[in-house]
Amino acid sequence: MGTYRYTFVKFLRDWALIIGMIVGASCYLIYHSIPALHPAGPVLEQIVRELQPSLLFVMLFLSFCKIEPHQMRPHRWMGWLLLVQSGLFVGLSLLLYFCPELPLRHGVEAAMLCLICPTATACAVVTGKLGGNMAGVVTYTVLINLAVSVLVPLMVPLIHPMAGLTFYEAFAKILAKVFPLLILPCLAAWLVRYLLPKFHAWLLRFPNLSFYIWAFSLTLAILMSTRAIVQNGAGAAVLWEIGVASLLACILQFWLGRRIGRRYKCPISAGQALGQKNTVFSIWMGYTFLTPVVSVAGGFYSIWHNVYNTYQMYRKRKDAESGR
């Protein structure tokens, strides 16, 4: 019995991400196909929307608990990543401003959204599993969120004018979304580190806890992504356009991140920081500042980057088993 239990637990741990993706997509598709369940939809949606930020808060809090404050300092590779994200986003924004009738406009806007989307709060969890620098990823997460707070209100009105919404109001909306899930976990972790050292030491006894929380959070994220794709009223051609654009943006960013990171001996950290995105935030940005159709790009990207993360963890596990 013990052997079977160990095998089952190992299977769940090794394939937690792919299981979470399958369960998340299946749960929504089952709900969607059974009309009797639809009346419960608003309540279930509210539960998921309130649960997701709580899980992200806990994950980032646990990540900050593992990082010494002095480890959070800027590195050169972060400057290059900021330049890549900001430059590509500004470039595409200006392209649409000067060429508003550009073909495949939905795809270009989807690429913009995927490129400027900040690093996922769960990125440190995956980076740690892959053997990267968690402190560096968390530092970059803070920097890119600050950049997004300025660039999105500055550039998006050029292509999607928003009546009555000033730069400062848009900046405040993004900051209000970012602060509770980025700054507060950091402050809470550091308070625990210095004021409650025994509790802090106890938390560190569960190094994999944040990974399992992320696996459950991934299930909810894929569920909501599937919902966004299924309920979107756009035609199949537009969805294909957005899906391909988000896939190309995902490939480009992981490739560029790892290429830049190799120059500074941190390909894993730089690759994850640039490629793994806060897709819940990107869906919100799409609805708030662009269009509901384009917000689906966040749902597609959630699938692409989690498939790649699953592959990376599989390779990491195989290398460890073979002693490489």
C-alpha atoms as a PDB file:
ATOM      1  CA  MET A   1       0.000   0.000   0.000  1.00  0.00           C
ATOM      2  CA  GLY A   2       2.842   2.381   0.876  1.00  0.00           C
ATOM      3  CA  THR A   3       4.506   1.818  -2.487  1.00  0.00           C
ATOM      4  CA  TYR A   4       1.290   2.553  -4.399  1.00  0.00           C
ATOM      5  CA  ARG A   5       0.694   5.674  -2.332  1.00  0.00           C
ATOM      6  CA  TYR A   6       4.230   6.923  -2.978  1.00  0.00           C
ATOM      7  CA  THR A   7       3.843   6.233  -6.716  1.00  0.00           C
ATOM      8  CA  PHE A   8       0.506   8.077  -6.821  1.00  0.00           C
ATOM      9  CA  VAL A   9       1.876  11.092  -4.906  1.00  0.00           C
ATOM     10  CA  LYS A  10       4.951  11.190  -7.148  1.00  0.00           C
ATOM     11  CA  PHE A  11       2.717  11.047 -10.241  1.00  0.00           C
ATOM     12  CA  LEU A  12       0.628  13.982  -8.967  1.00  0.00           C
ATOM     13  CA  ARG A  13       3.740  15.996  -8.140  1.00  0.00           C
ATOM     14  CA  ASP A  14       5.453  15.295 -11.460  1.00  0.00           C
ATOM     15  CA  TRP A  15       2.402  16.027 -13.593  1.00  0.00           C
ATOM     16  CA  ALA A  16       0.648  18.616 -11.411  1.00  0.00           C
ATOM     17  CA  LEU A  17       0.702  21.288 -14.100  1.00  0.00           C
ATOM     18  CA  ILE A  18      -0.707  19.231 -16.945  1.00  0.00           C
ATOM     19  CA  ILE A  19      -3.312  17.722 -14.583  1.00  0.00           C
ATOM     20  CA  GLY A  20      -4.294  21.233 -13.444  1.00  0.00           C
ATOM     21  CA  MET A  21      -4.704  22.381 -17.052  1.00  0.00           C
ATOM     22  CA  ILE A  22      -6.816  19.373 -18.034  1.00  0.00           C
ATOM     23  CA  VAL A  23      -8.998  19.616 -14.915  1.00  0.00           C
ATOM     24  CA  GLY A  24      -9.500  23.377 -15.343  1.00  0.00           C
ATOM     25  CA  ALA A  25     -10.542  23.135 -19.003  1.00  0.00           C
ATOM     26  CA  SER A  26     -12.698  20.041 -18.374  1.00  0.00           C
ATOM     27  CA  CYS A  27     -14.548  21.616 -15.454  1.00  0.00           C
ATOM     28  CA  TYR A  28     -15.656  24.589 -17.524  1.00  0.00           C
ATOM     29  CA  LEU A  29     -16.560  22.498 -20.587  1.00  0.00           C
ATOM     30  CA  ILE A  30     -18.667  20.158 -18.409  1.00  0.00           C
ATOM     31  CA  TYR A  31     -20.382  23.147 -16.798  1.00  0.00           C
ATOM     32  CA  HIS A  32     -20.990  24.730 -20.206  1.00  0.00           C
ATOM     33  CA  SER A  33     -22.520  21.540 -21.632  1.00  0.00           C
ATOM     34  CA  ILE A  34     -25.007  21.009 -18.748  1.00  0.00           C
ATOM     35  CA  PRO A  35     -27.666  23.787 -18.765  1.00  0.00           C
ATOM     36  CA  ALA A  36     -28.940  22.734 -15.324  1.00  0.00           C
ATOM     37  CA  LEU A  37     -25.661  24.022 -13.837  1.00  0.00           C
ATOM     38  CA  HIS A  38     -25.848  27.463 -15.478  1.00  0.00           C
ATOM     39  CA  PRO A  39     -27.878  29.177 -12.708  1.00  0.00           C
ATOM     40  CA  ALA A  40     -24.927  28.561 -10.368  1.00  0.00           C
ATOM     41  CA  GLY A  41     -22.586  30.330 -12.791  1.00  0.00           C
ATOM     42  CA  PRO A  42     -22.589  33.834 -11.248  1.00  0.00           C
ATOM     43  CA  VAL A  43     -21.933  32.458  -7.765  1.00  0.00           C
ATOM     44  CA  LEU A  44     -19.152  30.161  -8.981  1.00  0.00           C
ATOM     45  CA  GLU A  45     -17.569  32.992 -10.975  1.00  0.00           C
ATOM     46  CA  GLN A  46     -17.590  35.252  -7.915  1.00  0.00           C
ATOM     47  CA  ILE A  47     -15.957  32.525  -5.803  1.00  0.00           C
ATOM     48  CA  VAL A  48     -13.200  31.990  -8.389  1.00  0.00           C
ATOM     49  CA  ARG A  49     -12.572  35.727  -8.828  1.00  0.00           C
ATOM     50  CA  GLU A  50     -12.189  36.171  -5.058  1.00  0.00           C
ATOM     51  CA  LEU A  51     -10.135  33.003  -4.600  1.00  0.00           C
ATOM     52  CA  GLN A  52      -7.588  33.727  -7.348  1.00  0.00           C
ATOM     53  CA  PRO A  53      -6.124  36.915  -5.787  1.00  0.00           C
ATOM     54  CA  SER A  54      -5.926  35.198  -2.398  1.00  0.00           C
ATOM     55  CA  LEU A  55      -3.940  32.302  -3.851  1.00  0.00           C
ATOM     56  CA  LEU A  56      -1.622  34.677  -5.714  1.00  0.00           C
ATOM     57  CA  PHE A  57      -1.075  36.664  -2.513  1.00  0.00           C
ATOM     58  CA  VAL A  58      -0.133  33.537  -0.559  1.00  0.00           C
ATOM     59  CA  MET A  59       2.191  32.291  -3.314  1.00  0.00           C
ATOM     60  CA  LEU A  60       4.067  35.572  -3.520  1.00  0.00           C
ATOM     61  CA  PHE A  61       4.165  35.851   0.279  1.00  0.00           C
ATOM     62  CA  LEU A  62       5.804  32.410   0.511  1.00  0.00           C
ATOM     63  CA  SER A  63       8.257  33.364  -2.243  1.00  0.00           C
ATOM     64  CA  PHE A  64       9.244  36.552  -0.407  1.00  0.00           C
ATOM     65  CA  CYS A  65       9.728  34.517   2.787  1.00  0.00           C
ATOM     66  CA  LYS A  66      12.472  32.539   1.015  1.00  0.00           C
ATOM     67  CA  ILE A  67      14.287  35.678  -0.184  1.00  0.00           C
ATOM     68  CA  GLU A  68      16.553  37.897   1.880  1.00  0.00           C
ATOM     69  CA  PRO A  69      15.725  41.604   1.359  1.00  0.00           C
ATOM     70  CA  HIS A  70      19.320  42.371   0.326  1.00  0.00           C
ATOM     71  CA  GLN A  71      19.013  39.805  -2.505  1.00  0.00           C
ATOM     72  CA  MET A  72      16.444  41.972  -4.275  1.00  0.00           C
ATOM     73  CA  ARG A  73      18.673  44.232  -6.324  1.00  0.00           C
ATOM     74  CA  PRO A  74      18.639  45.182 -10.014  1.00  0.00           C
ATOM     75  CA  HIS A  75      20.878  43.390 -12.521  1.00  0.00           C
ATOM     76  CA  ARG A  76      21.881  44.318 -16.053  1.00  0.00           C
ATOM     77  CA  TRP A  77      19.728  41.645 -17.647  1.00  0.00           C
ATOM     78  CA  MET A  78      16.665  43.301 -16.117  1.00  0.00           C
ATOM     79  CA  GLY A  79      17.423  46.520 -17.976  1.00  0.00           C
ATOM     80  CA  TRP A  80      17.561  44.637 -21.289  1.00  0.00           C
ATOM     81  CA  LEU A  81      14.282  42.845 -20.544  1.00  0.00           C
ATOM     82  CA  LEU A  82      12.586  46.125 -19.648  1.00  0.00           C
ATOM     83  CA  LEU A  83      13.886  47.607 -22.893  1.00  0.00           C
ATOM     84  CA  VAL A  84      12.562  44.646 -24.915  1.00  0.00           C
ATOM     85  CA  GLN A  85       9.086  44.702 -23.365  1.00  0.00           C
ATOM     86  CA  SER A  86       8.731  48.481 -23.401  1.00  0.00           C
ATOM     87  CA  GLY A  87      10.260  48.936 -26.860  1.00  0.00           C
ATOM     88  CA  LEU A  88       8.118  46.297 -28.573  1.00  0.00           C
ATOM     89  CA  PHE A  89       4.952  47.566 -26.899  1.00  0.00           C
ATOM     90  CA  VAL A  90       5.619  51.212 -27.782  1.00  0.00           C
ATOM     91  CA  GLY A  91       6.619  50.231 -31.331  1.00  0.00           C
ATOM     92  CA  LEU A  92       3.383  48.309 -31.969  1.00  0.00           C
ATOM     93  CA  SER A  93       1.326  51.094 -30.370  1.00  0.00           C
ATOM     94  CA  LEU A  94       2.849  53.678 -32.715  1.00  0.00           C
ATOM     95  CA  LEU A  95       2.345  51.316 -35.673  1.00  0.00           C
ATOM     96  CA  LEU A  96      -1.398  51.123 -34.961  1.00  0.00           C
ATOM     97  CA  TYR A  97      -1.581  54.869 -34.309  1.00  0.00           C
ATOM     98  CA  PHE A  98      -0.098  55.745 -37.709  1.00  0.00           C
ATOM     99  CA  CYS A  99      -1.738  52.803 -39.555  1.00  0.00           C
ATOM    100  CA  PRO A 100      -5.199  52.401 -37.947  1.00  0.00           C
ATOM    101  CA  GLU A 101      -6.492  50.290 -40.874  1.00  0.00           C
ATOM    102  CA  LEU A 102      -3.628  47.823 -40.587  1.00  0.00           C
ATOM    103  CA  PRO A 103      -4.598  44.239 -41.586  1.00  0.00           C
ATOM    104  CA  LEU A 104      -4.759  41.709 -38.755  1.00  0.00           C
ATOM    105  CA  ARG A 105      -5.292  44.526 -36.237  1.00  0.00           C
ATOM    106  CA  HIS A 106      -6.730  42.157 -33.627  1.00  0.00           C
ATOM    107  CA  GLY A 107      -3.570  40.070 -33.823  1.00  0.00           C
ATOM    108  CA  VAL A 108      -1.333  43.113 -33.412  1.00  0.00           C
ATOM    109  CA  GLU A 109      -3.316  44.297 -30.364  1.00  0.00           C
ATOM    110  CA  ALA A 110      -3.162  40.778 -28.919  1.00  0.00           C
ATOM    111  CA  ALA A 111       0.615  40.759 -29.370  1.00  0.00           C
ATOM    112  CA  MET A 112       0.824  44.186 -27.670  1.00  0.00           C
ATOM    113  CA  LEU A 113      -1.117  42.864 -24.692  1.00  0.00           C
ATOM    114  CA  CYS A 114       1.045  39.741 -24.404  1.00  0.00           C
ATOM    115  CA  LEU A 115       4.283  41.706 -24.730  1.00  0.00           C
ATOM    116  CA  ILE A 116       3.572  44.375 -22.104  1.00  0.00           C
ATOM    117  CA  CYS A 117       1.849  42.009 -19.664  1.00  0.00           C
ATOM    118  CA  PRO A 118       3.926  41.895 -16.442  1.00  0.00           C
ATOM    119  CA  THR A 119       5.665  38.834 -15.096  1.00  0.00           C
ATOM    120  CA  ALA A 120       3.437  36.347 -13.289  1.00  0.00           C
ATOM    121  CA  THR A 121       3.433  36.480  -9.502  1.00  0.00           C
ATOM    122  CA  ALA A 122       3.864  32.686  -9.601  1.00  0.00           C
ATOM    123  CA  CYS A 123       6.985  32.996 -11.763  1.00  0.00           C
ATOM    124  CA  ALA A 124       9.295  32.742  -8.751  1.00  0.00           C
ATOM    125  CA  VAL A 125       7.784  29.345  -7.895  1.00  0.00           C
ATOM    126  CA  VAL A 126       8.540  27.910 -11.352  1.00  0.00           C
ATOM    127  CA  THR A 127      11.960  29.572 -11.511  1.00  0.00           C
ATOM    128  CA  GLY A 128      12.900  27.999  -8.180  1.00  0.00           C
ATOM    129  CA  LYS A 129      11.792  24.569  -9.415  1.00  0.00           C
ATOM    130  CA  LEU A 130      13.901  24.971 -12.556  1.00  0.00           C
ATOM    131  CA  GLY A 131      16.973  26.012 -10.578  1.00  0.00           C
ATOM    132  CA  GLY A 132      16.894  29.728 -11.371  1.00  0.00           C
ATOM    133  CA  ASN A 133      17.322  32.828  -9.235  1.00  0.00           C
ATOM    134  CA  MET A 134      14.020  33.494  -7.428  1.00  0.00           C
ATOM    135  CA  ALA A 135      15.197  36.831  -5.995  1.00  0.00           C
ATOM    136  CA  GLY A 136      16.046  38.140  -9.448  1.00  0.00           C
ATOM    137  CA  VAL A 137      12.666  37.165 -10.859  1.00  0.00           C
ATOM    138  CA  VAL A 138      10.789  38.787  -7.970  1.00  0.00           C
ATOM    139  CA  THR A 139      12.835  41.978  -8.394  1.00  0.00           C
ATOM    140  CA  TYR A 140      12.023  42.088 -12.102  1.00  0.00           C
ATOM    141  CA  THR A 141       8.339  41.470 -11.329  1.00  0.00           C
ATOM    142  CA  VAL A 142       8.290  44.657  -9.242  1.00  0.00           C
ATOM    143  CA  LEU A 143      10.132  46.665 -11.927  1.00  0.00           C
ATOM    144  CA  ILE A 144       7.945  45.571 -14.851  1.00  0.00           C
ATOM    145  CA  ASN A 145       4.743  46.247 -12.924  1.00  0.00           C
ATOM    146  CA  LEU A 146       5.916  49.814 -12.318  1.00  0.00           C
ATOM    147  CA  ALA A 147       6.759  50.161 -16.020  1.00  0.00           C
ATOM    148  CA  VAL A 148       3.338  48.817 -17.035  1.00  0.00           C
ATOM    149  CA  SER A 149       1.635  51.309 -14.713  1.00  0.00           C
ATOM    150  CA  VAL A 150       3.196  54.133 -16.739  1.00  0.00           C
ATOM    151  CA  LEU A 151       3.325  52.758 -20.301  1.00  0.00           C
ATOM    152  CA  VAL A 152      -0.213  51.398 -20.624  1.00  0.00           C
ATOM    153  CA  PRO A 153      -2.000  54.663 -19.644  1.00  0.00           C
ATOM    154  CA  LEU A 154       0.488  56.577 -21.810  1.00  0.00           C
ATOM    155  CA  MET A 155       0.233  54.559 -25.048  1.00  0.00           C
ATOM    156  CA  VAL A 156      -3.160  52.829 -25.134  1.00  0.00           C
ATOM    157  CA  PRO A 157      -5.212  56.071 -25.484  1.00  0.00           C
ATOM    158  CA  LEU A 158      -3.407  56.650 -28.800  1.00  0.00           C
ATOM    159  CA  ILE A 159      -5.104  53.607 -30.315  1.00  0.00           C
ATOM    160  CA  HIS A 160      -8.180  53.318 -28.051  1.00  0.00           C
ATOM    161  CA  PRO A 161      -9.201  56.785 -26.810  1.00  0.00           C
ATOM    162  CA  MET A 162     -11.082  56.487 -23.517  1.00  0.00           C
ATOM    163  CA  ALA A 163     -13.535  59.307 -22.869  1.00  0.00           C
ATOM    164  CA  GLY A 164     -13.170  60.804 -19.406  1.00  0.00           C
ATOM    165  CA  LEU A 165     -10.214  58.617 -18.419  1.00  0.00           C
ATOM    166  CA  THR A 166      -7.048  60.632 -17.838  1.00  0.00           C
ATOM    167  CA  PHE A 167      -3.504  59.294 -17.561  1.00  0.00           C
ATOM    168  CA  TYR A 168      -3.564  59.699 -13.783  1.00  0.00           C
ATOM    169  CA  GLU A 169      -6.882  57.844 -13.461  1.00  0.00           C
ATOM    170  CA  ALA A 170      -5.618  54.966 -15.604  1.00  0.00           C
ATOM    171  CA  PHE A 171      -2.338  54.919 -13.648  1.00  0.00           C
ATOM    172  CA  ALA A 172      -4.294  54.766 -10.374  1.00  0.00           C
ATOM    173  CA  LYS A 173      -6.490  51.902 -11.679  1.00  0.00           C
ATOM    174  CA  ILE A 174      -3.464  49.791 -12.578  1.00  0.00           C
ATOM    175  CA  LEU A 175      -1.653  50.632  -9.354  1.00  0.00           C
ATOM    176  CA  ALA A 176      -4.748  49.675  -7.332  1.00  0.00           C
ATOM    177  CA  LYS A 177      -4.730  46.323  -9.111  1.00  0.00           C
ATOM    178  CA  VAL A 178      -0.984  45.778  -8.639  1.00  0.00           C
ATOM    179  CA  PHE A 179      -0.364  47.009  -5.071  1.00  0.00           C
ATOM    180  CA  PRO A 180      -2.379  44.412  -3.086  1.00  0.00           C
ATOM    181  CA  LEU A 181      -0.865  41.469  -4.997  1.00  0.00           C
ATOM    182  CA  LEU A 182       2.724  42.700  -5.216  1.00  0.00           C
ATOM    183  CA  ILE A 183       3.738  45.135  -2.505  1.00  0.00           C
ATOM    184  CA  LEU A 184       1.610  43.840   0.388  1.00  0.00           C
ATOM    185  CA  PRO A 185       2.956  40.233   0.206  1.00  0.00           C
ATOM    186  CA  CYS A 186       6.473  41.659   0.270  1.00  0.00           C
ATOM    187  CA  LEU A 187       5.787  43.811   3.330  1.00  0.00           C
ATOM    188  CA  ALA A 188       3.974  40.944   5.084  1.00  0.00           C
ATOM    189  CA  ALA A 189       6.850  38.509   4.443  1.00  0.00           C
ATOM    190  CA  TRP A 190       9.466  40.917   5.750  1.00  0.00           C
ATOM    191  CA  LEU A 191       7.410  41.686   8.856  1.00  0.00           C
ATOM    192  CA  VAL A 192       7.114  37.955   9.552  1.00  0.00           C
ATOM    193  CA  ARG A 193      10.848  37.478   8.922  1.00  0.00           C
ATOM    194  CA  TYR A 194      11.890  40.091  11.505  1.00  0.00           C
ATOM    195  CA  LEU A 195       8.992  40.089  14.011  1.00  0.00           C
ATOM    196  CA  LEU A 196       7.987  36.404  13.997  1.00  0.00           C
ATOM    197  CA  PRO A 197      11.197  34.454  13.281  1.00  0.00           C
ATOM    198  CA  LYS A 198       9.832  31.140  14.634  1.00  0.00           C
ATOM    199  CA  PHE A 199       6.769  31.341  12.414  1.00  0.00           C
ATOM    200  CA  HIS A 200       9.026  32.288   9.499  1.00  0.00           C
ATOM    201  CA  ALA A 201      11.231  29.258  10.152  1.00  0.00           C
ATOM    202  CA  TRP A 202       8.135  27.038  10.326  1.00  0.00           C
ATOM    203  CA  LEU A 203       6.938  28.290   6.922  1.00  0.00           C
ATOM    204  CA  LEU A 204      10.300  27.435   5.390  1.00  0.00           C
ATOM    205  CA  ARG A 205       9.784  23.795   6.412  1.00  0.00           C
ATOM    206  CA  PHE A 206       7.274  23.485   3.526  1.00  0.00           C
ATOM    207  CA  PRO A 207       9.338  24.378   0.431  1.00  0.00           C
ATOM    208  CA  ASN A 208       6.852  22.809  -2.009  1.00  0.00           C
ATOM    209  CA  LEU A 209       3.730  24.427  -0.577  1.00  0.00           C
ATOM    210  CA  SER A 210       3.808  27.365  -3.011  1.00  0.00           C
ATOM    211  CA  PHE A 211       4.125  24.917  -5.928  1.00  0.00           C
ATOM    212  CA  TYR A 212       0.959  23.029  -4.971  1.00  0.00           C
ATOM    213  CA  ILE A 213      -0.906  26.285  -4.402  1.00  0.00           C
ATOM    214  CA  TRP A 214       0.215  27.358  -7.853  1.00  0.00           C
ATOM    215  CA  ALA A 215      -0.988  24.079  -9.379  1.00  0.00           C
ATOM    216  CA  PHE A 216      -4.456  24.701  -7.913  1.00  0.00           C
ATOM    217  CA  SER A 217      -4.329  28.348  -8.989  1.00  0.00           C
ATOM    218  CA  LEU A 218      -3.391  27.167 -12.479  1.00  0.00           C
ATOM    219  CA  THR A 219      -6.548  25.026 -12.571  1.00  0.00           C
ATOM    220  CA  LEU A 220      -8.667  28.122 -11.854  1.00  0.00           C
ATOM    221  CA  ALA A 221      -6.716  30.219 -14.374  1.00  0.00           C
ATOM    222  CA  ILE A 222      -7.204  27.657 -17.164  1.00  0.00           C
ATOM    223  CA  LEU A 223     -10.892  27.347 -16.226  1.00  0.00           C
ATOM    224  CA  MET A 224     -11.357  31.122 -16.608  1.00  0.00           C
ATOM    225  CA  SER A 225      -9.259  31.160 -19.791  1.00  0.00           C
ATOM    226  CA  THR A 226     -11.424  28.426 -21.315  1.00  0.00           C
ATOM    227  CA  ARG A 227     -14.515  30.415 -20.322  1.00  0.00           C
ATOM    228  CA  ALA A 228     -13.149  33.561 -21.989  1.00  0.00           C
ATOM    229  CA  ILE A 229     -12.404  31.698 -25.221  1.00  0.00           C
ATOM    230  CA  VAL A 230     -15.730  29.806 -25.353  1.00  0.00           C
ATOM    231  CA  GLN A 231     -17.900  32.800 -24.475  1.00  0.00           C
ATOM    232  CA  ASN A 232     -16.143  35.204 -26.816  1.00  0.00           C
ATOM    233  CA  GLY A 233     -18.484  36.354 -29.552  1.00  0.00           C
ATOM    234  CA  ALA A 234     -15.801  36.850 -32.194  1.00  0.00           C
ATOM    235  CA  GLY A 235     -15.652  34.623 -35.235  1.00  0.00           C
ATOM    236  CA  ALA A 236     -13.314  31.681 -35.619  1.00  0.00           C
ATOM    237  CA  ALA A 237     -10.986  33.662 -37.900  1.00  0.00           C
ATOM    238  CA  VAL A 238     -10.451  36.367 -35.259  1.00  0.00           C
ATOM    239  CA  LEU A 239      -9.833  33.757 -32.542  1.00  0.00           C
ATOM    240  CA  TRP A 240      -7.270  32.036 -34.768  1.00  0.00           C
ATOM    241  CA  GLU A 241      -5.593  35.400 -35.380  1.00  0.00           C
ATOM    242  CA  ILE A 242      -5.418  36.178 -31.663  1.00  0.00           C
ATOM    243  CA  GLY A 243      -4.334  32.647 -30.766  1.00  0.00           C
ATOM    244  CA  VAL A 244      -1.467  32.638 -33.285  1.00  0.00           C
ATOM    245  CA  ALA A 245      -0.363  36.142 -32.231  1.00  0.00           C
ATOM    246  CA  SER A 246      -0.259  35.123 -28.571  1.00  0.00           C
ATOM    247  CA  LEU A 247       1.670  31.933 -29.423  1.00  0.00           C
ATOM    248  CA  LEU A 248       4.278  33.876 -31.426  1.00  0.00           C
ATOM    249  CA  ALA A 249       4.595  36.423 -28.595  1.00  0.00           C
ATOM    250  CA  CYS A 250       5.129  33.569 -26.115  1.00  0.00           C
ATOM    251  CA  ILE A 251       7.820  31.892 -28.246  1.00  0.00           C
ATOM    252  CA  LEU A 252       9.576  35.206 -28.918  1.00  0.00           C
ATOM    253  CA  GLN A 253       9.702  36.246 -25.272  1.00  0.00           C
ATOM    254  CA  PHE A 254      10.958  32.951 -23.875  1.00  0.00           C
ATOM    255  CA  TRP A 255      13.607  32.844 -26.627  1.00  0.00           C
ATOM    256  CA  LEU A 256      14.719  36.456 -26.145  1.00  0.00           C
ATOM    257  CA  GLY A 257      14.710  36.101 -22.361  1.00  0.00           C
ATOM    258  CA  ARG A 258      16.914  33.027 -22.396  1.00  0.00           C
ATOM    259  CA  ARG A 259      19.208  34.540 -25.048  1.00  0.00           C
ATOM    260  CA  ILE A 260      19.700  37.709 -23.010  1.00  0.00           C
ATOM    261  CA  GLY A 261      20.049  35.696 -19.813  1.00  0.00           C
ATOM    262  CA  ARG A 262      22.883  33.591 -21.251  1.00  0.00           C
ATOM    263  CA  ARG A 263      25.029  36.708 -21.512  1.00  0.00           C
ATOM    264  CA  TYR A 264      24.685  37.191 -17.757  1.00  0.00           C
ATOM    265  CA  LYS A 265      24.685  33.478 -16.813  1.00  0.00           C
ATOM    266  CA  CYS A 266      21.003  33.400 -15.816  1.00  0.00           C
ATOM    267  CA  PRO A 267      19.036  32.016 -18.801  1.00  0.00           C
ATOM    268  CA  ILE A 268      16.363  30.379 -16.634  1.00  0.00           C
ATOM    269  CA  SER A 269      15.591  33.492 -14.588  1.00  0.00           C
ATOM    270  CA  ALA A 270      15.588  35.866 -17.555  1.00  0.00           C
ATOM    271  CA  GLY A 271      13.590  33.458 -19.723  1.00  0.00           C
ATOM    272  CA  GLN A 272      10.900  32.975 -17.089  1.00  0.00           C
ATOM    273  CA  ALA A 273      10.808  36.686 -16.190  1.00  0.00           C
ATOM    274  CA  LEU A 274      10.126  37.666 -19.795  1.00  0.00           C
ATOM    275  CA  GLY A 275       8.063  34.677 -20.899  1.00  0.00           C
ATOM    276  CA  GLN A 276       5.839  33.723 -17.953  1.00  0.00           C
ATOM    277  CA  LYS A 277       3.001  36.241 -17.703  1.00  0.00           C
ATOM    278  CA  ASN A 278       0.342  37.355 -15.254  1.00  0.00           C
ATOM    279  CA  THR A 279      -2.438  36.317 -17.639  1.00  0.00           C
ATOM    280  CA  VAL A 280      -5.242  37.168 -15.191  1.00  0.00           C
ATOM    281  CA  PHE A 281      -3.922  40.727 -15.194  1.00  0.00           C
ATOM    282  CA  SER A 282      -3.625  40.744 -18.998  1.00  0.00           C
ATOM    283  CA  ILE A 283      -7.279  39.688 -19.385  1.00  0.00           C
ATOM    284  CA  TRP A 284      -8.266  42.538 -17.059  1.00  0.00           C
ATOM    285  CA  MET A 285      -6.112  44.991 -19.051  1.00  0.00           C
ATOM    286  CA  GLY A 286      -7.719  43.819 -22.293  1.00  0.00           C
ATOM    287  CA  TYR A 287     -11.246  44.388 -20.992  1.00  0.00           C
ATOM    288  CA  THR A 288     -10.376  47.685 -19.322  1.00  0.00           C
ATOM    289  CA  PHE A 289      -8.144  49.421 -21.864  1.00  0.00           C
ATOM    290  CA  LEU A 290      -8.570  47.592 -25.205  1.00  0.00           C
ATOM    291  CA  THR A 291     -11.548  45.411 -26.224  1.00  0.00           C
ATOM    292  CA  PRO A 292     -13.196  42.247 -24.842  1.00  0.00           C
ATOM    293  CA  VAL A 293     -12.171  40.369 -27.998  1.00  0.00           C
ATOM    294  CA  VAL A 294      -8.469  41.129 -27.542  1.00  0.00           C
ATOM    295  CA  SER A 295      -8.592  40.162 -23.852  1.00  0.00           C
ATOM    296  CA  VAL A 296      -8.897  36.533 -25.006  1.00  0.00           C
ATOM    297  CA  ALA A 297      -5.178  36.745 -25.842  1.00  0.00           C
ATOM    298  CA  GLY A 298      -4.480  36.378 -22.120  1.00  0.00           C
ATOM    299  CA  GLY A 299      -6.441  33.130 -22.077  1.00  0.00           C
ATOM    300  CA  PHE A 300      -4.502  31.719 -25.023  1.00  0.00           C
ATOM    301  CA  TYR A 301      -1.180  32.853 -23.549  1.00  0.00           C
ATOM    302  CA  SER A 302      -2.039  31.131 -20.280  1.00  0.00           C
ATOM    303  CA  ILE A 303      -2.228  27.850 -22.179  1.00  0.00           C
ATOM    304  CA  TRP A 304       0.977  28.398 -24.190  1.00  0.00           C
ATOM    305  CA  HIS A 305       3.281  29.397 -21.327  1.00  0.00           C
ATOM    306  CA  ASN A 306       1.979  26.672 -19.025  1.00  0.00           C
ATOM    307  CA  VAL A 307       2.502  24.011 -21.694  1.00  0.00           C
ATOM    308  CA  TYR A 308       6.091  25.225 -22.039  1.00  0.00           C
ATOM    309  CA  ASN A 309       6.559  25.280 -18.255  1.00  0.00           C
ATOM    310  CA  THR A 310       5.296  21.705 -18.082  1.00  0.00           C
ATOM    311  CA  TYR A 311       7.828  20.682 -20.749  1.00  0.00           C
ATOM    312  CA  GLN A 312      10.665  22.476 -18.920  1.00  0.00           C
ATOM    313  CA  MET A 313       9.858  20.743 -15.648  1.00  0.00           C
ATOM    314  CA  TYR A 314       9.660  17.395 -17.420  1.00  0.00           C
ATOM    315  CA  ARG A 315      13.130  17.953 -18.901  1.00  0.00           C
ATOM    316  CA  LYS A 316      14.479  19.101 -15.539  1.00  0.00           C
ATOM    317  CA  ARG A 317      13.098  15.991 -13.861  1.00  0.00           C
ATOM    318  CA  LYS A 318      14.508  13.683 -16.554  1.00  0.00           C
ATOM    319  CA  ASP A 319      17.933  15.309 -16.296  1.00  0.00           C
ATOM    320  CA  ALA A 320      17.883  14.869 -12.506  1.00  0.00           C
ATOM    321  CA  GLU A 321      16.913  11.193 -12.837  1.00  0.00           C
ATOM    322  CA  SER A 322      19.715  10.562 -15.326  1.00  0.00           C
ATOM    323  CA  GLY A 323      22.247  12.340 -13.095  1.00  0.00           C
ATOM    324  CA  ARG A 324      23.005  15.156 -15.541  1.00  0.00           C
END
